[in-house]
Amino acid sequence: MGLLLYANDDQGVEFDDRTLAHLKLVIIGKLRRQESFALSWARSQASGSGRETIWLSPSIPLRFWIDNAEAGPLNRAWLDLLAQSAERGDLRVTAEPVEEAP
């Protein structure tokens, strides 16, 4: 499991390494363009269920901690879906779609 460490929160938000690797690319792309946006994800039942959202801005410290450096090849279809939701202002964490073979 990986962690997204936001602002001064030492606990961070847990995502599996593969999800976090994909989120990292989309988030860094937006922040490099000086764009602010929301990031939303479903909370587990153990965490009280529902949804959680944070505001991401280039001025807010952010760290990605991915346990397994070998998250496998990136899924272009998933990156596109995540990027599209980020362009609407709310990057929503979704399940990885099956990538079609070329």
C-alpha atoms as a PDB file:
ATOM      1  CA  MET A   1       0.000   0.000   0.000  1.00  0.00           C
ATOM      2  CA  GLY A   2       1.119   3.503  -0.780  1.00  0.00           C
ATOM      3  CA  LEU A   3       0.442   6.805   0.924  1.00  0.00           C
ATOM      4  CA  LEU A   4      -0.515  10.201  -0.380  1.00  0.00           C
ATOM      5  CA  LEU A   5       0.795  12.628   2.230  1.00  0.00           C
ATOM      6  CA  TYR A   6      -1.104  15.909   2.077  1.00  0.00           C
ATOM      7  CA  ALA A   7      -0.125  19.207   3.700  1.00  0.00           C
ATOM      8  CA  ASN A   8       1.102  18.499   7.253  1.00  0.00           C
ATOM      9  CA  ASP A   9      -0.884  15.265   7.700  1.00  0.00           C
ATOM     10  CA  ASP A  10       1.532  12.558   8.892  1.00  0.00           C
ATOM     11  CA  GLN A  11      -1.122   9.829   8.509  1.00  0.00           C
ATOM     12  CA  GLY A  12      -1.707  10.282   4.797  1.00  0.00           C
ATOM     13  CA  VAL A  13      -4.324   8.655   2.614  1.00  0.00           C
ATOM     14  CA  GLU A  14      -3.804   4.997   1.741  1.00  0.00           C
ATOM     15  CA  PHE A  15      -4.126   3.819  -1.862  1.00  0.00           C
ATOM     16  CA  ASP A  16      -2.839   0.631  -3.405  1.00  0.00           C
ATOM     17  CA  ASP A  17       0.479   1.195  -5.170  1.00  0.00           C
ATOM     18  CA  ARG A  18      -0.949   0.784  -8.668  1.00  0.00           C
ATOM     19  CA  THR A  19      -3.710   3.338  -8.091  1.00  0.00           C
ATOM     20  CA  LEU A  20      -1.278   5.779  -6.522  1.00  0.00           C
ATOM     21  CA  ALA A  21       1.152   5.450  -9.456  1.00  0.00           C
ATOM     22  CA  HIS A  22      -1.637   6.459 -11.850  1.00  0.00           C
ATOM     23  CA  LEU A  23      -2.887   9.275  -9.608  1.00  0.00           C
ATOM     24  CA  LYS A  24       0.639  10.614  -9.262  1.00  0.00           C
ATOM     25  CA  LEU A  25       1.000  11.163 -13.012  1.00  0.00           C
ATOM     26  CA  VAL A  26      -2.338  12.942 -13.333  1.00  0.00           C
ATOM     27  CA  ILE A  27      -1.838  15.067 -10.208  1.00  0.00           C
ATOM     28  CA  ILE A  28       1.704  16.134 -11.079  1.00  0.00           C
ATOM     29  CA  GLY A  29       0.580  17.047 -14.605  1.00  0.00           C
ATOM     30  CA  LYS A  30      -2.129  19.354 -13.243  1.00  0.00           C
ATOM     31  CA  LEU A  31       0.094  20.911 -10.582  1.00  0.00           C
ATOM     32  CA  ARG A  32       2.895  21.560 -13.093  1.00  0.00           C
ATOM     33  CA  ARG A  33       0.387  23.661 -15.041  1.00  0.00           C
ATOM     34  CA  GLN A  34      -0.380  25.549 -11.792  1.00  0.00           C
ATOM     35  CA  GLU A  35      -3.951  24.166 -11.756  1.00  0.00           C
ATOM     36  CA  SER A  36      -5.871  23.604  -8.530  1.00  0.00           C
ATOM     37  CA  PHE A  37      -8.545  20.902  -8.281  1.00  0.00           C
ATOM     38  CA  ALA A  38     -10.286  18.471  -5.932  1.00  0.00           C
ATOM     39  CA  LEU A  39      -9.348  14.822  -5.376  1.00  0.00           C
ATOM     40  CA  SER A  40     -12.174  12.518  -4.233  1.00  0.00           C
ATOM     41  CA  TRP A  41     -12.274   8.853  -3.288  1.00  0.00           C
ATOM     42  CA  ALA A  42     -14.644   6.376  -1.651  1.00  0.00           C
ATOM     43  CA  ARG A  43     -13.892   5.631   1.992  1.00  0.00           C
ATOM     44  CA  SER A  44     -13.808   2.034   3.146  1.00  0.00           C
ATOM     45  CA  GLN A  45     -16.462   0.746   5.523  1.00  0.00           C
ATOM     46  CA  ALA A  46     -13.743   0.451   8.183  1.00  0.00           C
ATOM     47  CA  SER A  47     -13.152   4.201   7.780  1.00  0.00           C
ATOM     48  CA  GLY A  48     -16.821   5.081   8.048  1.00  0.00           C
ATOM     49  CA  SER A  49     -17.733   4.742   4.329  1.00  0.00           C
ATOM     50  CA  GLY A  50     -18.912   7.683   2.226  1.00  0.00           C
ATOM     51  CA  ARG A  51     -16.634   9.905   0.148  1.00  0.00           C
ATOM     52  CA  GLU A  52     -13.713  12.094   1.088  1.00  0.00           C
ATOM     53  CA  THR A  53     -12.372  15.074  -0.849  1.00  0.00           C
ATOM     54  CA  ILE A  54      -9.267  17.226  -0.506  1.00  0.00           C
ATOM     55  CA  TRP A  55      -8.302  20.358  -2.406  1.00  0.00           C
ATOM     56  CA  LEU A  56      -5.006  20.157  -4.292  1.00  0.00           C
ATOM     57  CA  SER A  57      -3.085  23.284  -5.156  1.00  0.00           C
ATOM     58  CA  PRO A  58       0.520  23.928  -6.198  1.00  0.00           C
ATOM     59  CA  SER A  59       1.033  25.746  -2.871  1.00  0.00           C
ATOM     60  CA  ILE A  60       0.060  22.741  -0.697  1.00  0.00           C
ATOM     61  CA  PRO A  61       2.856  20.258   0.119  1.00  0.00           C
ATOM     62  CA  LEU A  62       2.201  16.800  -1.325  1.00  0.00           C
ATOM     63  CA  ARG A  63       4.226  13.563  -1.177  1.00  0.00           C
ATOM     64  CA  PHE A  64       3.698  10.183  -2.787  1.00  0.00           C
ATOM     65  CA  TRP A  65       5.005   7.121  -0.985  1.00  0.00           C
ATOM     66  CA  ILE A  66       4.722   4.014  -3.129  1.00  0.00           C
ATOM     67  CA  ASP A  67       5.877   0.802  -1.434  1.00  0.00           C
ATOM     68  CA  ASN A  68       6.412  -1.280  -4.542  1.00  0.00           C
ATOM     69  CA  ALA A  69       8.391   0.500  -7.240  1.00  0.00           C
ATOM     70  CA  GLU A  70       7.253  -2.179  -9.709  1.00  0.00           C
ATOM     71  CA  ALA A  71       3.582  -1.255 -10.149  1.00  0.00           C
ATOM     72  CA  GLY A  72       3.583  -2.760 -13.637  1.00  0.00           C
ATOM     73  CA  PRO A  73       2.919  -0.975 -16.920  1.00  0.00           C
ATOM     74  CA  LEU A  74       0.582   1.970 -16.713  1.00  0.00           C
ATOM     75  CA  ASN A  75      -2.935   1.638 -18.091  1.00  0.00           C
ATOM     76  CA  ARG A  76      -3.438   4.404 -20.682  1.00  0.00           C
ATOM     77  CA  ALA A  77      -7.244   4.041 -20.562  1.00  0.00           C
ATOM     78  CA  TRP A  78      -7.225   4.562 -16.794  1.00  0.00           C
ATOM     79  CA  LEU A  79      -4.909   7.560 -17.046  1.00  0.00           C
ATOM     80  CA  ASP A  80      -7.280   9.083 -19.617  1.00  0.00           C
ATOM     81  CA  LEU A  81     -10.328   8.519 -17.368  1.00  0.00           C
ATOM     82  CA  LEU A  82      -8.568  10.036 -14.365  1.00  0.00           C
ATOM     83  CA  ALA A  83      -7.312  12.996 -16.406  1.00  0.00           C
ATOM     84  CA  GLN A  84     -10.808  13.655 -17.780  1.00  0.00           C
ATOM     85  CA  SER A  85     -12.285  13.800 -14.289  1.00  0.00           C
ATOM     86  CA  ALA A  86      -9.447  16.090 -13.169  1.00  0.00           C
ATOM     87  CA  GLU A  87     -10.219  18.430 -16.075  1.00  0.00           C
ATOM     88  CA  ARG A  88     -13.774  18.734 -14.732  1.00  0.00           C
ATOM     89  CA  GLY A  89     -12.270  19.955 -11.437  1.00  0.00           C
ATOM     90  CA  ASP A  90     -12.734  16.805  -9.348  1.00  0.00           C
ATOM     91  CA  LEU A  91     -10.256  13.990  -9.870  1.00  0.00           C
ATOM     92  CA  ARG A  92     -12.293  10.959  -8.795  1.00  0.00           C
ATOM     93  CA  VAL A  93     -10.526   7.726  -7.972  1.00  0.00           C
ATOM     94  CA  THR A  94     -12.214   4.981  -9.988  1.00  0.00           C
ATOM     95  CA  ALA A  95     -11.592   1.280 -10.492  1.00  0.00           C
ATOM     96  CA  GLU A  96      -9.064   0.386 -13.162  1.00  0.00           C
ATOM     97  CA  PRO A  97     -10.762  -0.398 -16.469  1.00  0.00           C
ATOM     98  CA  VAL A  98      -9.651  -3.376 -18.508  1.00  0.00           C
ATOM     99  CA  GLU A  99      -7.201  -2.149 -21.103  1.00  0.00           C
ATOM    100  CA  GLU A 100      -7.917  -3.394 -24.606  1.00  0.00           C
ATOM    101  CA  ALA A 101      -5.114  -5.251 -26.364  1.00  0.00           C
ATOM    102  CA  PRO A 102      -3.609  -3.369 -29.347  1.00  0.00           C
END
